[in-house]
Amino acid sequence: QVQLVESGGGLVQAGGPLRLSCVASGSISSINVMGWWRQPTGKQRELVALITSGGSIQYGDSGQGRFTISRDNAKNTVYLETNTLKPEDTGVYYCNAALRDLGYLPWGQGTQVIVSS
């Protein structure tokens, strides 16, 4: 099994930077894809960005242009970063992973990001 631990959320100012981290442990070799989703208050969860084990990257509409997803294989960590936060980026950010033959893990609690204007 795989466990994910998200960190890096909090109260941040609009226009400022954000760096979220997702550390994976367990059966790392079974991970095909890792990514970040977010859920603004009262809205549905939406994709921000994905990165595959081969390094391919896909951005959702919410992540295209302002967010960057990256990974550090030595640390089993995937990052989501931006330098241009907006109030509409407020929400709970979730990390998830798709495992070979098993699909995505159950959703965790995520990390709250509140962007103040």
N, C-alpha and C. Protein backbone atom coordinates (compact mmCIF):
# COMPACT_ATOMS: atom_id res chain seq x y z
N GLN A 1 0.85 -1.19 0.00
CA GLN A 1 0.00 0.00 0.00
C GLN A 1 0.88 1.25 0.00
N VAL A 2 0.27 2.36 -0.33
CA VAL A 2 0.98 3.64 -0.41
C VAL A 2 0.31 4.64 0.53
N GLN A 3 1.12 5.38 1.23
CA GLN A 3 0.61 6.46 2.09
C GLN A 3 1.14 7.79 1.57
N LEU A 4 0.29 8.80 1.64
CA LEU A 4 0.64 10.15 1.18
C LEU A 4 0.46 11.13 2.32
N VAL A 5 1.42 12.04 2.47
CA VAL A 5 1.32 13.09 3.49
C VAL A 5 1.52 14.43 2.81
N GLU A 6 0.47 15.27 2.89
CA GLU A 6 0.51 16.59 2.27
C GLU A 6 0.93 17.62 3.31
N SER A 7 1.60 18.67 2.84
CA SER A 7 1.96 19.78 3.72
C SER A 7 2.18 21.03 2.90
N GLY A 8 2.21 22.16 3.59
CA GLY A 8 2.54 23.42 2.94
C GLY A 8 1.40 24.39 2.82
N GLY A 9 0.21 24.01 3.23
CA GLY A 9 -0.91 24.94 3.14
C GLY A 9 -0.88 25.95 4.27
N GLY A 10 -1.88 26.81 4.27
CA GLY A 10 -1.99 27.82 5.32
C GLY A 10 -2.58 29.09 4.77
N LEU A 11 -2.41 30.17 5.52
CA LEU A 11 -2.89 31.48 5.11
C LEU A 11 -1.77 32.21 4.38
N VAL A 12 -2.02 32.58 3.15
CA VAL A 12 -1.01 33.24 2.33
C VAL A 12 -1.61 34.46 1.65
N GLN A 13 -0.77 35.39 1.28
CA GLN A 13 -1.24 36.62 0.65
C GLN A 13 -1.32 36.48 -0.86
N ALA A 14 -2.30 37.12 -1.42
CA ALA A 14 -2.44 37.13 -2.88
C ALA A 14 -1.16 37.72 -3.50
N GLY A 15 -0.77 37.11 -4.61
CA GLY A 15 0.45 37.54 -5.29
C GLY A 15 1.69 36.86 -4.77
N GLY A 16 1.54 36.15 -3.67
CA GLY A 16 2.69 35.52 -3.05
C GLY A 16 2.91 34.10 -3.53
N PRO A 17 3.97 33.47 -3.01
CA PRO A 17 4.30 32.12 -3.42
C PRO A 17 3.60 31.06 -2.58
N LEU A 18 3.54 29.88 -3.13
CA LEU A 18 2.99 28.72 -2.42
C LEU A 18 3.77 27.50 -2.89
N ARG A 19 4.10 26.67 -1.95
CA ARG A 19 4.74 25.41 -2.27
C ARG A 19 4.11 24.32 -1.42
N LEU A 20 3.44 23.41 -2.06
CA LEU A 20 2.85 22.27 -1.38
C LEU A 20 3.72 21.04 -1.64
N SER A 21 3.82 20.20 -0.63
CA SER A 21 4.60 18.97 -0.75
C SER A 21 3.73 17.76 -0.47
N CYS A 22 4.01 16.69 -1.17
CA CYS A 22 3.30 15.42 -0.96
C CYS A 22 4.36 14.32 -0.92
N VAL A 23 4.53 13.75 0.26
CA VAL A 23 5.52 12.71 0.44
C VAL A 23 4.84 11.35 0.39
N ALA A 24 5.34 10.48 -0.45
CA ALA A 24 4.79 9.14 -0.58
C ALA A 24 5.68 8.14 0.15
N SER A 25 5.04 7.14 0.75
CA SER A 25 5.78 6.06 1.40
C SER A 25 5.05 4.75 1.14
N GLY A 26 5.76 3.66 1.38
CA GLY A 26 5.16 2.36 1.13
C GLY A 26 5.64 1.80 -0.21
N SER A 27 4.70 1.27 -0.96
CA SER A 27 5.03 0.63 -2.24
C SER A 27 5.20 1.67 -3.35
N ILE A 28 6.29 2.42 -3.26
CA ILE A 28 6.53 3.54 -4.18
C ILE A 28 6.57 3.07 -5.63
N SER A 29 7.13 1.91 -5.85
CA SER A 29 7.31 1.42 -7.22
C SER A 29 5.99 1.12 -7.92
N SER A 30 4.91 1.05 -7.15
CA SER A 30 3.61 0.75 -7.75
C SER A 30 2.88 2.02 -8.22
N ILE A 31 3.48 3.18 -7.98
CA ILE A 31 2.83 4.43 -8.35
C ILE A 31 3.03 4.73 -9.83
N ASN A 32 1.95 4.93 -10.54
CA ASN A 32 2.02 5.32 -11.95
C ASN A 32 1.93 6.84 -12.11
N VAL A 33 1.07 7.45 -11.32
CA VAL A 33 0.80 8.89 -11.46
C VAL A 33 0.63 9.48 -10.06
N MET A 34 1.13 10.68 -9.88
CA MET A 34 0.81 11.47 -8.69
C MET A 34 0.34 12.83 -9.13
N GLY A 35 -0.51 13.42 -8.32
CA GLY A 35 -1.03 14.71 -8.73
C GLY A 35 -1.67 15.48 -7.61
N TRP A 36 -2.06 16.69 -7.96
CA TRP A 36 -2.71 17.59 -7.03
C TRP A 36 -4.09 17.98 -7.58
N TRP A 37 -5.05 17.95 -6.71
CA TRP A 37 -6.39 18.45 -6.99
C TRP A 37 -6.72 19.52 -5.94
N ARG A 38 -7.73 20.30 -6.21
CA ARG A 38 -8.17 21.25 -5.21
C ARG A 38 -9.70 21.34 -5.24
N GLN A 39 -10.24 21.74 -4.08
CA GLN A 39 -11.68 21.89 -3.97
C GLN A 39 -11.99 23.21 -3.31
N PRO A 40 -12.37 24.20 -4.10
CA PRO A 40 -12.81 25.47 -3.51
C PRO A 40 -14.08 25.25 -2.69
N THR A 41 -14.31 26.07 -1.71
CA THR A 41 -15.48 25.93 -0.85
C THR A 41 -16.75 25.97 -1.69
N GLY A 42 -17.58 24.97 -1.51
CA GLY A 42 -18.86 24.92 -2.21
C GLY A 42 -18.78 24.47 -3.65
N LYS A 43 -17.60 24.05 -4.08
CA LYS A 43 -17.44 23.63 -5.47
C LYS A 43 -16.89 22.22 -5.52
N GLN A 44 -16.88 21.68 -6.71
CA GLN A 44 -16.37 20.32 -6.90
C GLN A 44 -14.85 20.30 -6.92
N ARG A 45 -14.31 19.16 -6.60
CA ARG A 45 -12.87 18.96 -6.68
C ARG A 45 -12.44 19.03 -8.15
N GLU A 46 -11.30 19.68 -8.39
CA GLU A 46 -10.82 19.85 -9.77
C GLU A 46 -9.33 19.54 -9.85
N LEU A 47 -8.92 19.07 -10.99
CA LEU A 47 -7.52 18.75 -11.20
C LEU A 47 -6.68 20.03 -11.33
N VAL A 48 -5.54 20.03 -10.63
CA VAL A 48 -4.57 21.11 -10.81
C VAL A 48 -3.44 20.62 -11.73
N ALA A 49 -2.82 19.49 -11.37
CA ALA A 49 -1.72 18.98 -12.18
C ALA A 49 -1.42 17.53 -11.83
N LEU A 50 -0.91 16.80 -12.84
CA LEU A 50 -0.49 15.41 -12.68
C LEU A 50 0.93 15.26 -13.18
N ILE A 51 1.65 14.29 -12.62
CA ILE A 51 2.95 13.93 -13.14
C ILE A 51 3.07 12.41 -13.09
N THR A 52 3.48 11.83 -14.20
CA THR A 52 3.57 10.37 -14.27
C THR A 52 4.94 9.89 -13.81
N SER A 53 5.04 8.59 -13.63
CA SER A 53 6.33 8.03 -13.23
C SER A 53 7.38 8.22 -14.31
N GLY A 54 6.93 8.43 -15.54
CA GLY A 54 7.86 8.68 -16.63
C GLY A 54 8.20 10.15 -16.79
N GLY A 55 7.57 10.99 -16.00
CA GLY A 55 7.88 12.42 -16.04
C GLY A 55 6.95 13.26 -16.89
N SER A 56 5.95 12.64 -17.50
CA SER A 56 5.00 13.44 -18.27
C SER A 56 4.11 14.24 -17.33
N ILE A 57 3.77 15.43 -17.76
CA ILE A 57 3.00 16.35 -16.93
C ILE A 57 1.73 16.77 -17.66
N GLN A 58 0.67 16.85 -16.90
CA GLN A 58 -0.60 17.34 -17.42
C GLN A 58 -1.16 18.35 -16.43
N TYR A 59 -1.60 19.49 -16.94
CA TYR A 59 -2.22 20.50 -16.10
C TYR A 59 -3.71 20.58 -16.38
N GLY A 60 -4.46 20.72 -15.32
CA GLY A 60 -5.87 21.00 -15.47
C GLY A 60 -6.07 22.47 -15.76
N ASP A 61 -7.31 22.84 -16.04
CA ASP A 61 -7.60 24.24 -16.33
C ASP A 61 -7.18 25.14 -15.17
N SER A 62 -7.32 24.65 -13.95
CA SER A 62 -6.99 25.49 -12.78
C SER A 62 -5.51 25.64 -12.57
N GLY A 63 -4.72 24.75 -13.14
CA GLY A 63 -3.29 24.81 -12.92
C GLY A 63 -2.50 25.33 -14.09
N GLN A 64 -3.11 25.33 -15.26
CA GLN A 64 -2.39 25.72 -16.46
C GLN A 64 -1.95 27.17 -16.39
N GLY A 65 -0.67 27.39 -16.57
CA GLY A 65 -0.16 28.75 -16.68
C GLY A 65 0.39 29.35 -15.41
N ARG A 66 -0.10 28.93 -14.22
CA ARG A 66 0.36 29.55 -12.98
C ARG A 66 0.95 28.57 -11.98
N PHE A 67 0.66 27.31 -12.14
CA PHE A 67 1.18 26.32 -11.20
C PHE A 67 2.21 25.44 -11.90
N THR A 68 3.15 24.96 -11.11
CA THR A 68 4.17 24.04 -11.60
C THR A 68 4.21 22.82 -10.71
N ILE A 69 4.11 21.65 -11.32
CA ILE A 69 4.25 20.41 -10.59
C ILE A 69 5.63 19.84 -10.88
N SER A 70 6.25 19.30 -9.85
CA SER A 70 7.57 18.70 -10.02
C SER A 70 7.72 17.58 -9.00
N ARG A 71 8.79 16.84 -9.14
CA ARG A 71 8.99 15.74 -8.20
C ARG A 71 10.48 15.58 -7.89
N ASP A 72 10.72 15.04 -6.71
CA ASP A 72 12.07 14.70 -6.29
C ASP A 72 12.04 13.20 -5.97
N ASN A 73 12.53 12.41 -6.89
CA ASN A 73 12.45 10.96 -6.71
C ASN A 73 13.25 10.49 -5.49
N ALA A 74 14.33 11.16 -5.20
CA ALA A 74 15.15 10.76 -4.05
C ALA A 74 14.39 10.94 -2.73
N LYS A 75 13.46 11.89 -2.73
CA LYS A 75 12.69 12.17 -1.51
C LYS A 75 11.27 11.62 -1.60
N ASN A 76 10.95 10.95 -2.72
CA ASN A 76 9.59 10.43 -2.92
C ASN A 76 8.54 11.52 -2.73
N THR A 77 8.84 12.67 -3.25
CA THR A 77 8.01 13.84 -3.00
C THR A 77 7.61 14.51 -4.30
N VAL A 78 6.35 14.91 -4.36
CA VAL A 78 5.84 15.72 -5.46
C VAL A 78 5.47 17.08 -4.92
N TYR A 79 5.82 18.12 -5.67
CA TYR A 79 5.59 19.49 -5.25
C TYR A 79 4.60 20.17 -6.20
N LEU A 80 3.87 21.12 -5.64
CA LEU A 80 3.03 22.01 -6.44
C LEU A 80 3.39 23.42 -6.03
N GLU A 81 3.78 24.24 -6.99
CA GLU A 81 4.26 25.58 -6.68
C GLU A 81 3.62 26.63 -7.58
N THR A 82 3.51 27.82 -7.03
CA THR A 82 3.12 28.98 -7.80
C THR A 82 3.72 30.22 -7.15
N ASN A 83 3.93 31.24 -7.92
CA ASN A 83 4.42 32.51 -7.41
C ASN A 83 3.38 33.61 -7.55
N THR A 84 2.20 33.23 -8.00
CA THR A 84 1.17 34.23 -8.29
C THR A 84 -0.18 33.80 -7.76
N LEU A 85 -0.26 33.67 -6.44
CA LEU A 85 -1.52 33.24 -5.85
C LEU A 85 -2.62 34.28 -6.03
N LYS A 86 -3.82 33.79 -6.21
CA LYS A 86 -4.99 34.63 -6.31
C LYS A 86 -6.02 34.19 -5.28
N PRO A 87 -6.90 35.08 -4.86
CA PRO A 87 -7.93 34.68 -3.88
C PRO A 87 -8.74 33.47 -4.34
N GLU A 88 -8.96 33.33 -5.63
CA GLU A 88 -9.73 32.19 -6.14
C GLU A 88 -8.96 30.87 -6.06
N ASP A 89 -7.71 30.92 -5.63
CA ASP A 89 -6.95 29.69 -5.40
C ASP A 89 -7.25 29.11 -4.02
N THR A 90 -8.04 29.80 -3.25
CA THR A 90 -8.42 29.31 -1.92
C THR A 90 -9.18 28.00 -2.04
N GLY A 91 -8.83 27.06 -1.17
CA GLY A 91 -9.51 25.78 -1.17
C GLY A 91 -8.68 24.73 -0.45
N VAL A 92 -9.19 23.51 -0.44
CA VAL A 92 -8.45 22.38 0.11
C VAL A 92 -7.72 21.70 -1.05
N TYR A 93 -6.44 21.54 -0.89
CA TYR A 93 -5.60 20.91 -1.91
C TYR A 93 -5.30 19.47 -1.49
N TYR A 94 -5.53 18.58 -2.43
CA TYR A 94 -5.37 17.15 -2.18
C TYR A 94 -4.29 16.57 -3.09
N CYS A 95 -3.46 15.74 -2.51
CA CYS A 95 -2.52 14.94 -3.28
C CYS A 95 -3.12 13.55 -3.42
N ASN A 96 -2.91 12.94 -4.56
CA ASN A 96 -3.35 11.56 -4.73
C ASN A 96 -2.40 10.86 -5.68
N ALA A 97 -2.48 9.54 -5.67
CA ALA A 97 -1.63 8.72 -6.51
C ALA A 97 -2.43 7.58 -7.12
N ALA A 98 -2.13 7.30 -8.37
CA ALA A 98 -2.74 6.16 -9.04
C ALA A 98 -1.73 5.01 -9.03
N LEU A 99 -2.18 3.89 -8.51
CA LEU A 99 -1.31 2.73 -8.39
C LEU A 99 -1.57 1.76 -9.54
N ARG A 100 -0.52 1.07 -9.93
CA ARG A 100 -0.63 0.07 -10.99
C ARG A 100 -1.68 -0.96 -10.60
N ASP A 101 -2.63 -1.19 -11.47
CA ASP A 101 -3.71 -2.17 -11.33
C ASP A 101 -4.74 -1.83 -10.25
N LEU A 102 -4.54 -0.76 -9.50
CA LEU A 102 -5.47 -0.46 -8.41
C LEU A 102 -6.17 0.88 -8.55
N GLY A 103 -5.65 1.75 -9.38
CA GLY A 103 -6.26 3.05 -9.53
C GLY A 103 -5.88 4.00 -8.41
N TYR A 104 -6.67 5.05 -8.27
CA TYR A 104 -6.36 6.09 -7.30
C TYR A 104 -6.69 5.65 -5.88
N LEU A 105 -5.92 6.18 -4.95
CA LEU A 105 -6.14 5.94 -3.54
C LEU A 105 -7.39 6.67 -3.06
N PRO A 106 -7.93 6.28 -1.92
CA PRO A 106 -9.01 7.07 -1.32
C PRO A 106 -8.49 8.46 -1.00
N TRP A 107 -9.37 9.45 -1.06
CA TRP A 107 -8.95 10.82 -0.80
C TRP A 107 -8.62 11.00 0.67
N GLY A 108 -7.53 11.74 0.92
CA GLY A 108 -7.17 12.10 2.28
C GLY A 108 -7.83 13.39 2.70
N GLN A 109 -7.33 13.99 3.76
CA GLN A 109 -7.93 15.22 4.28
C GLN A 109 -7.47 16.46 3.54
N GLY A 110 -6.37 16.37 2.82
CA GLY A 110 -5.89 17.52 2.07
C GLY A 110 -5.24 18.55 2.98
N THR A 111 -4.81 19.63 2.35
CA THR A 111 -4.22 20.74 3.09
C THR A 111 -4.91 22.04 2.67
N GLN A 112 -5.35 22.80 3.64
CA GLN A 112 -6.13 24.01 3.37
C GLN A 112 -5.22 25.15 2.96
N VAL A 113 -5.62 25.83 1.90
CA VAL A 113 -4.92 27.03 1.45
C VAL A 113 -5.94 28.17 1.44
N ILE A 114 -5.63 29.23 2.17
CA ILE A 114 -6.48 30.42 2.18
C ILE A 114 -5.66 31.58 1.68
N VAL A 115 -6.12 32.18 0.60
CA VAL A 115 -5.40 33.30 -0.01
C VAL A 115 -6.13 34.59 0.34
N SER A 116 -5.44 35.46 1.05
CA SER A 116 -6.04 36.73 1.45
C SER A 116 -5.69 37.81 0.44
N SER A 117 -6.66 38.66 0.18
CA SER A 117 -6.44 39.73 -0.81
C SER A 117 -5.95 41.00 -0.14
